[in-house]
Amino acid sequence: MTSPYPQYPDGYGQQPGQYPMGPPYGPPAYGPPPENYLVWAILTTVLCCMPLGIVAIVKSSQVNTLWFQGFHDEARKSAESAKKWAMWSAISVGILILLYIIFLVVMLVIAGVSLRELTP
């Protein structure tokens, strides 16, 4: 007995609604969007360097938007950029604190030397 449905080479169309290897259409599975680092961007904006943190917030807010619009490569680049800006915001505060400590030590050394010279 022959089937009333046309035969296709991959077995599609054997029966209506049954696809042995999945439907022949549909979006490709890209998986979940990449991490957007929004929490780190907000924390570094509040606790660290504000200008660099703001850039990190802008980049991290673009990740999901780009991902769901189908721009997957741009979303990954934006996620990496947000991570980079948040990291540099935190590093910049560490560098500024280190420079401040060095400045205080130098000033105390200079003040200590000048006090010894002034006392009889």
N, C-alpha and C. Protein backbone atom coordinates (compact mmCIF):
# COMPACT_ATOMS: atom_id res chain seq x y z
N MET A 1 0.84 -1.17 0.00
CA MET A 1 0.00 0.00 0.00
C MET A 1 0.89 1.23 0.00
N THR A 2 0.56 2.16 -0.79
CA THR A 2 1.34 3.37 -0.89
C THR A 2 0.76 4.45 0.02
N SER A 3 1.65 5.29 0.49
CA SER A 3 1.25 6.37 1.38
C SER A 3 0.63 7.51 0.57
N PRO A 4 -0.43 8.15 1.12
CA PRO A 4 -1.02 9.27 0.39
C PRO A 4 -0.16 10.53 0.49
N TYR A 5 0.88 10.50 1.31
CA TYR A 5 1.73 11.66 1.50
C TYR A 5 2.98 11.53 0.65
N PRO A 6 3.48 12.62 0.12
CA PRO A 6 4.69 12.53 -0.71
C PRO A 6 5.89 12.10 0.13
N GLN A 7 6.77 11.36 -0.48
CA GLN A 7 7.97 10.87 0.20
C GLN A 7 9.12 11.84 -0.05
N TYR A 8 9.83 12.15 1.01
CA TYR A 8 10.98 13.05 0.93
C TYR A 8 12.22 12.25 1.30
N PRO A 9 13.38 12.68 0.84
CA PRO A 9 14.59 11.86 1.04
C PRO A 9 14.97 11.66 2.51
N ASP A 10 14.68 12.60 3.39
CA ASP A 10 15.09 12.46 4.79
C ASP A 10 14.00 11.84 5.65
N GLY A 11 12.93 11.39 5.08
CA GLY A 11 11.86 10.79 5.85
C GLY A 11 10.81 11.79 6.29
N TYR A 12 10.97 13.05 5.91
CA TYR A 12 9.96 14.04 6.26
C TYR A 12 8.70 13.79 5.46
N GLY A 13 7.59 14.09 6.04
CA GLY A 13 6.34 13.99 5.33
C GLY A 13 5.73 12.61 5.34
N GLN A 14 6.25 11.70 6.14
CA GLN A 14 5.66 10.36 6.18
C GLN A 14 4.26 10.42 6.75
N GLN A 15 4.11 11.17 7.83
CA GLN A 15 2.79 11.39 8.39
C GLN A 15 2.72 12.84 8.81
N PRO A 16 1.56 13.43 8.76
CA PRO A 16 1.47 14.85 9.14
C PRO A 16 1.85 15.06 10.60
N GLY A 17 2.71 16.04 10.82
CA GLY A 17 3.09 16.39 12.19
C GLY A 17 4.18 15.53 12.79
N GLN A 18 4.66 14.54 12.10
CA GLN A 18 5.72 13.69 12.64
C GLN A 18 6.99 13.91 11.84
N TYR A 19 8.02 14.33 12.53
CA TYR A 19 9.31 14.57 11.91
C TYR A 19 10.34 13.74 12.67
N PRO A 20 10.85 12.69 12.09
CA PRO A 20 11.76 11.81 12.83
C PRO A 20 13.05 12.50 13.24
N MET A 21 13.51 13.48 12.49
CA MET A 21 14.76 14.16 12.83
C MET A 21 14.51 15.60 13.21
N GLY A 22 13.31 15.95 13.58
CA GLY A 22 12.99 17.31 13.96
C GLY A 22 12.38 18.05 12.79
N PRO A 23 11.77 19.18 13.06
CA PRO A 23 11.14 19.93 11.99
C PRO A 23 12.19 20.50 11.04
N PRO A 24 11.84 20.68 9.77
CA PRO A 24 12.82 21.19 8.81
C PRO A 24 12.99 22.70 8.87
N TYR A 25 12.43 23.34 9.83
CA TYR A 25 12.50 24.79 9.92
C TYR A 25 12.68 25.18 11.38
N GLY A 26 12.83 26.46 11.63
CA GLY A 26 12.95 26.97 12.99
C GLY A 26 14.31 27.62 13.19
N PRO A 27 14.41 28.42 14.22
CA PRO A 27 15.68 29.11 14.45
C PRO A 27 16.75 28.14 14.97
N PRO A 28 17.98 28.41 14.65
CA PRO A 28 19.04 27.57 15.19
C PRO A 28 19.16 27.79 16.69
N ALA A 29 19.59 26.78 17.38
CA ALA A 29 19.71 26.86 18.84
C ALA A 29 21.05 27.50 19.19
N TYR A 30 21.02 28.73 19.63
CA TYR A 30 22.23 29.44 20.02
C TYR A 30 22.50 29.33 21.51
N GLY A 31 21.55 28.87 22.27
CA GLY A 31 21.72 28.76 23.71
C GLY A 31 21.37 30.05 24.42
N PRO A 32 21.69 30.11 25.69
CA PRO A 32 21.36 31.32 26.46
C PRO A 32 22.31 32.46 26.10
N PRO A 33 21.88 33.68 26.37
CA PRO A 33 22.76 34.83 26.09
C PRO A 33 23.97 34.81 27.01
N PRO A 34 25.04 35.46 26.62
CA PRO A 34 26.23 35.49 27.47
C PRO A 34 26.00 36.31 28.73
N GLU A 35 26.84 36.10 29.72
CA GLU A 35 26.77 36.87 30.98
C GLU A 35 26.95 38.35 30.65
N ASN A 36 26.09 39.20 31.21
CA ASN A 36 26.17 40.62 30.87
C ASN A 36 26.96 41.45 31.88
N TYR A 37 27.32 40.91 33.02
CA TYR A 37 28.15 41.58 34.04
C TYR A 37 27.52 42.88 34.53
N LEU A 38 26.20 42.94 34.56
CA LEU A 38 25.52 44.16 35.00
C LEU A 38 25.75 44.43 36.48
N VAL A 39 25.74 43.38 37.30
CA VAL A 39 25.96 43.57 38.75
C VAL A 39 27.35 44.14 38.99
N TRP A 40 28.36 43.58 38.31
CA TRP A 40 29.72 44.09 38.48
C TRP A 40 29.84 45.52 37.98
N ALA A 41 29.15 45.84 36.90
CA ALA A 41 29.20 47.20 36.37
C ALA A 41 28.59 48.19 37.35
N ILE A 42 27.47 47.82 37.96
CA ILE A 42 26.83 48.71 38.93
C ILE A 42 27.70 48.87 40.17
N LEU A 43 28.25 47.76 40.67
CA LEU A 43 29.11 47.84 41.86
C LEU A 43 30.35 48.68 41.61
N THR A 44 30.97 48.52 40.46
CA THR A 44 32.17 49.32 40.20
C THR A 44 31.82 50.78 39.96
N THR A 45 30.61 51.05 39.48
CA THR A 45 30.20 52.45 39.32
C THR A 45 29.99 53.10 40.68
N VAL A 46 29.34 52.39 41.58
CA VAL A 46 29.04 52.95 42.89
C VAL A 46 30.28 53.00 43.78
N LEU A 47 31.06 51.93 43.79
CA LEU A 47 32.17 51.81 44.74
C LEU A 47 33.52 52.22 44.18
N CYS A 48 33.64 52.28 42.89
CA CYS A 48 34.96 52.52 42.29
C CYS A 48 34.93 53.77 41.43
N CYS A 49 35.38 53.63 40.23
CA CYS A 49 35.51 54.75 39.31
C CYS A 49 34.23 54.94 38.51
N MET A 50 33.57 56.07 38.71
CA MET A 50 32.27 56.29 38.09
C MET A 50 32.31 56.37 36.56
N PRO A 51 33.24 57.11 35.93
CA PRO A 51 33.20 57.17 34.46
C PRO A 51 33.39 55.81 33.80
N LEU A 52 34.31 55.02 34.27
CA LEU A 52 34.53 53.70 33.69
C LEU A 52 33.36 52.77 33.99
N GLY A 53 32.77 52.91 35.17
CA GLY A 53 31.62 52.09 35.53
C GLY A 53 30.39 52.40 34.70
N ILE A 54 30.21 53.65 34.33
CA ILE A 54 29.07 54.02 33.49
C ILE A 54 29.20 53.38 32.12
N VAL A 55 30.40 53.38 31.58
CA VAL A 55 30.62 52.71 30.29
C VAL A 55 30.32 51.22 30.43
N ALA A 56 30.71 50.62 31.55
CA ALA A 56 30.43 49.20 31.78
C ALA A 56 28.93 48.94 31.85
N ILE A 57 28.18 49.83 32.49
CA ILE A 57 26.73 49.67 32.57
C ILE A 57 26.10 49.75 31.18
N VAL A 58 26.54 50.69 30.37
CA VAL A 58 25.99 50.84 29.02
C VAL A 58 26.27 49.59 28.20
N LYS A 59 27.51 49.10 28.26
CA LYS A 59 27.87 47.90 27.49
C LYS A 59 27.10 46.68 27.99
N SER A 60 26.94 46.55 29.30
CA SER A 60 26.25 45.37 29.82
C SER A 60 24.75 45.40 29.52
N SER A 61 24.19 46.59 29.41
CA SER A 61 22.77 46.66 29.09
C SER A 61 22.51 46.35 27.62
N GLN A 62 23.51 46.40 26.78
CA GLN A 62 23.35 46.09 25.37
C GLN A 62 23.37 44.59 25.09
N VAL A 63 23.88 43.79 26.02
CA VAL A 63 24.10 42.37 25.75
C VAL A 63 22.79 41.65 25.42
N ASN A 64 21.81 41.70 26.31
CA ASN A 64 20.56 40.97 26.07
C ASN A 64 19.79 41.54 24.89
N THR A 65 19.82 42.85 24.71
CA THR A 65 19.13 43.46 23.58
C THR A 65 19.69 42.95 22.27
N LEU A 66 21.01 42.97 22.15
CA LEU A 66 21.63 42.49 20.91
C LEU A 66 21.40 40.99 20.71
N TRP A 67 21.44 40.23 21.80
CA TRP A 67 21.27 38.78 21.70
C TRP A 67 19.89 38.43 21.15
N PHE A 68 18.86 39.05 21.70
CA PHE A 68 17.50 38.70 21.28
C PHE A 68 17.11 39.33 19.95
N GLN A 69 17.91 40.28 19.46
CA GLN A 69 17.69 40.79 18.11
C GLN A 69 18.39 39.93 17.07
N GLY A 70 19.20 38.98 17.54
CA GLY A 70 19.87 38.08 16.61
C GLY A 70 21.31 38.44 16.32
N PHE A 71 21.84 39.48 16.95
CA PHE A 71 23.22 39.89 16.75
C PHE A 71 24.09 39.22 17.80
N HIS A 72 24.36 37.94 17.62
CA HIS A 72 25.02 37.15 18.65
C HIS A 72 26.50 37.52 18.81
N ASP A 73 27.19 37.77 17.72
CA ASP A 73 28.60 38.15 17.82
C ASP A 73 28.75 39.51 18.51
N GLU A 74 27.88 40.45 18.16
CA GLU A 74 27.94 41.76 18.79
C GLU A 74 27.59 41.67 20.27
N ALA A 75 26.67 40.78 20.63
CA ALA A 75 26.32 40.60 22.04
C ALA A 75 27.51 40.05 22.82
N ARG A 76 28.21 39.09 22.23
CA ARG A 76 29.41 38.55 22.91
C ARG A 76 30.48 39.61 23.05
N LYS A 77 30.68 40.42 22.01
CA LYS A 77 31.67 41.50 22.09
C LYS A 77 31.28 42.52 23.15
N SER A 78 30.01 42.83 23.24
CA SER A 78 29.53 43.78 24.23
C SER A 78 29.70 43.22 25.65
N ALA A 79 29.49 41.92 25.82
CA ALA A 79 29.68 41.29 27.13
C ALA A 79 31.15 41.34 27.54
N GLU A 80 32.04 41.04 26.61
CA GLU A 80 33.47 41.11 26.91
C GLU A 80 33.90 42.55 27.20
N SER A 81 33.33 43.48 26.48
CA SER A 81 33.64 44.88 26.71
C SER A 81 33.14 45.35 28.07
N ALA A 82 31.95 44.92 28.47
CA ALA A 82 31.42 45.28 29.79
C ALA A 82 32.31 44.70 30.89
N LYS A 83 32.76 43.47 30.70
CA LYS A 83 33.65 42.85 31.68
C LYS A 83 34.96 43.63 31.77
N LYS A 84 35.50 44.03 30.63
CA LYS A 84 36.76 44.77 30.60
C LYS A 84 36.62 46.12 31.30
N TRP A 85 35.53 46.86 31.01
CA TRP A 85 35.36 48.18 31.62
C TRP A 85 35.13 48.08 33.13
N ALA A 86 34.37 47.08 33.56
CA ALA A 86 34.16 46.91 35.01
C ALA A 86 35.47 46.54 35.69
N MET A 87 36.27 45.69 35.05
CA MET A 87 37.54 45.29 35.63
C MET A 87 38.49 46.49 35.73
N TRP A 88 38.57 47.29 34.67
CA TRP A 88 39.45 48.45 34.72
C TRP A 88 38.96 49.51 35.71
N SER A 89 37.68 49.58 35.93
CA SER A 89 37.15 50.49 36.94
C SER A 89 37.64 50.08 38.33
N ALA A 90 37.57 48.79 38.62
CA ALA A 90 38.04 48.29 39.92
C ALA A 90 39.56 48.43 40.05
N ILE A 91 40.28 48.14 38.98
CA ILE A 91 41.75 48.25 39.02
C ILE A 91 42.18 49.69 39.21
N SER A 92 41.47 50.62 38.58
CA SER A 92 41.84 52.03 38.70
C SER A 92 41.73 52.52 40.14
N VAL A 93 40.72 52.05 40.86
CA VAL A 93 40.59 52.45 42.27
C VAL A 93 41.72 51.85 43.09
N GLY A 94 42.09 50.61 42.80
CA GLY A 94 43.22 50.01 43.50
C GLY A 94 44.51 50.78 43.26
N ILE A 95 44.72 51.20 42.03
CA ILE A 95 45.92 51.99 41.71
C ILE A 95 45.88 53.34 42.43
N LEU A 96 44.71 53.99 42.46
CA LEU A 96 44.60 55.28 43.14
C LEU A 96 44.83 55.15 44.65
N ILE A 97 44.34 54.10 45.25
CA ILE A 97 44.57 53.88 46.68
C ILE A 97 46.05 53.64 46.94
N LEU A 98 46.69 52.85 46.08
CA LEU A 98 48.12 52.59 46.23
C LEU A 98 48.93 53.88 46.09
N LEU A 99 48.58 54.72 45.12
CA LEU A 99 49.28 56.00 44.96
C LEU A 99 49.05 56.91 46.16
N TYR A 100 47.86 56.89 46.73
CA TYR A 100 47.57 57.71 47.91
C TYR A 100 48.41 57.25 49.10
N ILE A 101 48.53 55.95 49.28
CA ILE A 101 49.35 55.42 50.38
C ILE A 101 50.81 55.81 50.19
N ILE A 102 51.30 55.70 48.97
CA ILE A 102 52.69 56.11 48.69
C ILE A 102 52.86 57.59 48.97
N PHE A 103 51.89 58.40 48.59
CA PHE A 103 51.95 59.83 48.85
C PHE A 103 51.99 60.11 50.35
N LEU A 104 51.17 59.40 51.14
CA LEU A 104 51.17 59.61 52.59
C LEU A 104 52.51 59.20 53.21
N VAL A 105 53.06 58.10 52.77
CA VAL A 105 54.35 57.65 53.31
C VAL A 105 55.44 58.67 52.98
N VAL A 106 55.45 59.15 51.76
CA VAL A 106 56.46 60.15 51.37
C VAL A 106 56.28 61.42 52.19
N MET A 107 55.05 61.85 52.38
CA MET A 107 54.82 63.07 53.16
C MET A 107 55.22 62.88 54.62
N LEU A 108 54.96 61.70 55.19
CA LEU A 108 55.37 61.44 56.57
C LEU A 108 56.89 61.39 56.69
N VAL A 109 57.55 60.84 55.70
CA VAL A 109 59.01 60.81 55.72
C VAL A 109 59.56 62.23 55.63
N ILE A 110 59.01 63.03 54.74
CA ILE A 110 59.47 64.42 54.61
C ILE A 110 59.17 65.19 55.89
N ALA A 111 58.00 65.00 56.46
CA ALA A 111 57.64 65.70 57.70
C ALA A 111 58.53 65.22 58.84
N GLY A 112 58.86 63.94 58.89
CA GLY A 112 59.73 63.43 59.94
C GLY A 112 61.13 63.99 59.84
N VAL A 113 61.64 64.10 58.65
CA VAL A 113 62.98 64.66 58.45
C VAL A 113 62.97 66.12 58.82
N SER A 114 61.98 66.88 58.43
CA SER A 114 61.95 68.30 58.73
C SER A 114 61.73 68.53 60.24
N LEU A 115 61.02 67.67 60.93
CA LEU A 115 60.86 67.83 62.37
C LEU A 115 62.17 67.59 63.10
N ARG A 116 62.96 66.62 62.65
CA ARG A 116 64.27 66.38 63.27
C ARG A 116 65.20 67.58 63.08
N GLU A 117 65.09 68.22 61.96
CA GLU A 117 65.96 69.38 61.69
C GLU A 117 65.52 70.59 62.53
N LEU A 118 64.27 70.70 62.86
CA LEU A 118 63.76 71.85 63.60
C LEU A 118 63.97 71.71 65.12
N THR A 119 63.99 70.51 65.63
CA THR A 119 64.13 70.34 67.08
C THR A 119 65.61 70.39 67.46
N PRO A 120 65.89 71.05 68.59
CA PRO A 120 67.32 71.17 69.02
C PRO A 120 67.87 69.89 69.61
